[in-house]
Protein backbone atom coordinates (compact mmCIF):
# COMPACT_ATOMS: atom_id res chain seq x y z
CA MET A 1 90.02 71.92 96.36
CA THR A 2 90.29 75.42 95.03
CA PHE A 3 88.51 78.44 96.30
CA SER A 4 88.77 81.65 94.19
CA ASN A 5 87.47 83.92 97.09
CA PRO A 6 87.85 84.10 100.86
CA PHE A 7 85.32 81.67 102.50
CA THR A 8 84.04 80.49 105.80
CA LEU A 9 83.25 77.07 107.27
CA PRO A 10 81.10 76.29 110.25
CA GLY A 11 83.41 75.80 113.36
CA TYR A 12 86.40 77.74 111.82
CA PRO A 13 87.24 81.06 113.58
CA GLY A 14 87.11 83.70 110.87
CA ASP A 15 87.59 83.64 107.01
CA LEU A 16 89.85 81.37 105.13
CA PRO A 17 91.78 82.96 102.47
CA ALA A 18 91.32 81.97 98.76
CA GLY A 19 93.68 79.37 97.35
CA ASP A 20 94.24 75.59 97.10
CA TYR A 21 93.15 73.29 100.04
CA GLU A 22 93.82 69.50 100.54
CA ILE A 23 90.91 67.50 101.72
CA LEU A 24 91.74 64.49 104.08
CA VAL A 25 89.07 61.78 104.30
CA GLU A 26 89.24 59.05 106.83
CA GLU A 27 87.35 55.82 106.08
CA GLU A 28 87.00 52.50 107.77
CA LEU A 29 86.44 49.07 106.08
CA LEU A 30 83.11 47.71 106.74
CA GLN A 31 83.38 44.03 107.94
CA GLY A 32 81.26 41.12 107.16
CA LEU A 33 80.17 41.97 103.59
CA SER A 34 80.80 39.79 100.60
CA PHE A 35 82.35 42.74 98.93
CA GLU A 36 84.77 45.53 99.99
CA ALA A 37 83.18 48.65 101.10
CA TYR A 38 84.08 51.74 103.24
CA ARG A 39 82.39 54.13 105.33
CA ARG A 40 83.51 57.71 105.71
CA THR A 41 84.43 58.47 109.39
CA ALA A 42 85.77 62.03 109.16
CA THR A 43 86.48 64.83 106.69
CA TYR A 44 89.26 67.46 107.20
CA LEU A 45 90.33 70.66 105.47
CA THR A 46 94.03 71.01 105.47
CA GLU A 47 95.09 74.60 106.05
CA ARG A 48 98.82 75.35 105.36
CA GLY A 49 100.27 78.18 107.34
CA ARG A 50 101.12 81.38 105.76
CA GLY A 51 103.19 84.43 106.85
CA ARG A 52 104.43 84.02 110.29
CA HIS A 53 102.83 80.65 110.43
CA ALA A 54 104.53 79.26 107.38
CA GLY A 55 105.51 75.53 107.67
CA ARG A 56 102.51 74.89 110.12
CA THR A 57 99.63 72.65 108.96
CA GLU A 58 96.33 72.52 110.70
CA LEU A 59 93.38 70.03 110.04
CA TRP A 60 89.86 71.43 110.48
CA ALA A 61 87.22 68.90 110.89
CA THR A 62 84.17 69.54 108.40
CA SER A 63 81.61 67.73 106.49
CA ASP A 64 81.10 67.10 102.75
CA GLY A 65 77.89 69.30 102.93
CA ASP A 66 79.73 72.26 104.42
CA LEU A 67 82.44 72.07 101.91
CA GLU A 68 80.04 71.74 98.95
CA LYS A 69 78.03 74.71 100.27
CA ALA A 70 81.29 76.75 100.55
CA LEU A 71 82.23 75.72 96.95
CA SER A 72 78.79 76.77 95.58
CA ARG A 73 79.05 80.24 97.40
CA ASP A 74 82.44 80.71 96.02
CA ALA A 75 81.35 79.87 92.34
CA ALA A 76 78.39 82.29 92.77
CA THR A 77 80.53 85.04 93.74
CA THR A 78 83.38 84.50 91.19
CA LYS A 79 83.11 86.55 87.99
CA PRO A 80 83.80 84.53 84.94
CA ASN A 81 87.14 85.26 83.16
CA LYS A 82 86.52 86.36 79.69
CA HIS A 83 90.18 85.94 78.83
CA SER A 84 92.35 82.99 78.66
CA ASP A 85 95.80 82.87 80.37
CA ALA A 86 97.36 84.26 77.30
CA ALA A 87 98.70 87.80 77.27
CA LEU A 88 96.11 90.44 76.46
CA SER A 89 96.48 92.55 73.41
CA PRO A 90 97.46 96.26 73.97
CA GLN A 91 93.85 97.32 73.24
CA GLU A 92 92.28 94.82 75.82
CA ASP A 93 95.08 95.82 78.33
CA ARG A 94 94.03 99.30 78.43
CA THR A 95 90.40 98.43 79.45
């Protein structure tokens, strides 16, 4: 999951920086059914350490709803990029 802006999640102390985050989902197999089905038991946001905490990974319990709300807020505050990843022409670069 990618966030373009710093964001917050309920239960997390402070803002999380923009960047890529891995989501870990735990599920359990439902027994007694005639087909294979799973139920989600937990959702975690994986935060990789930065700076002096590099190499450290933390899991923060969250919910699908909280992640969707955070993504929606991120999309609403992200300005659309009018340029591709290609280099800008000299005229565009001056603006």
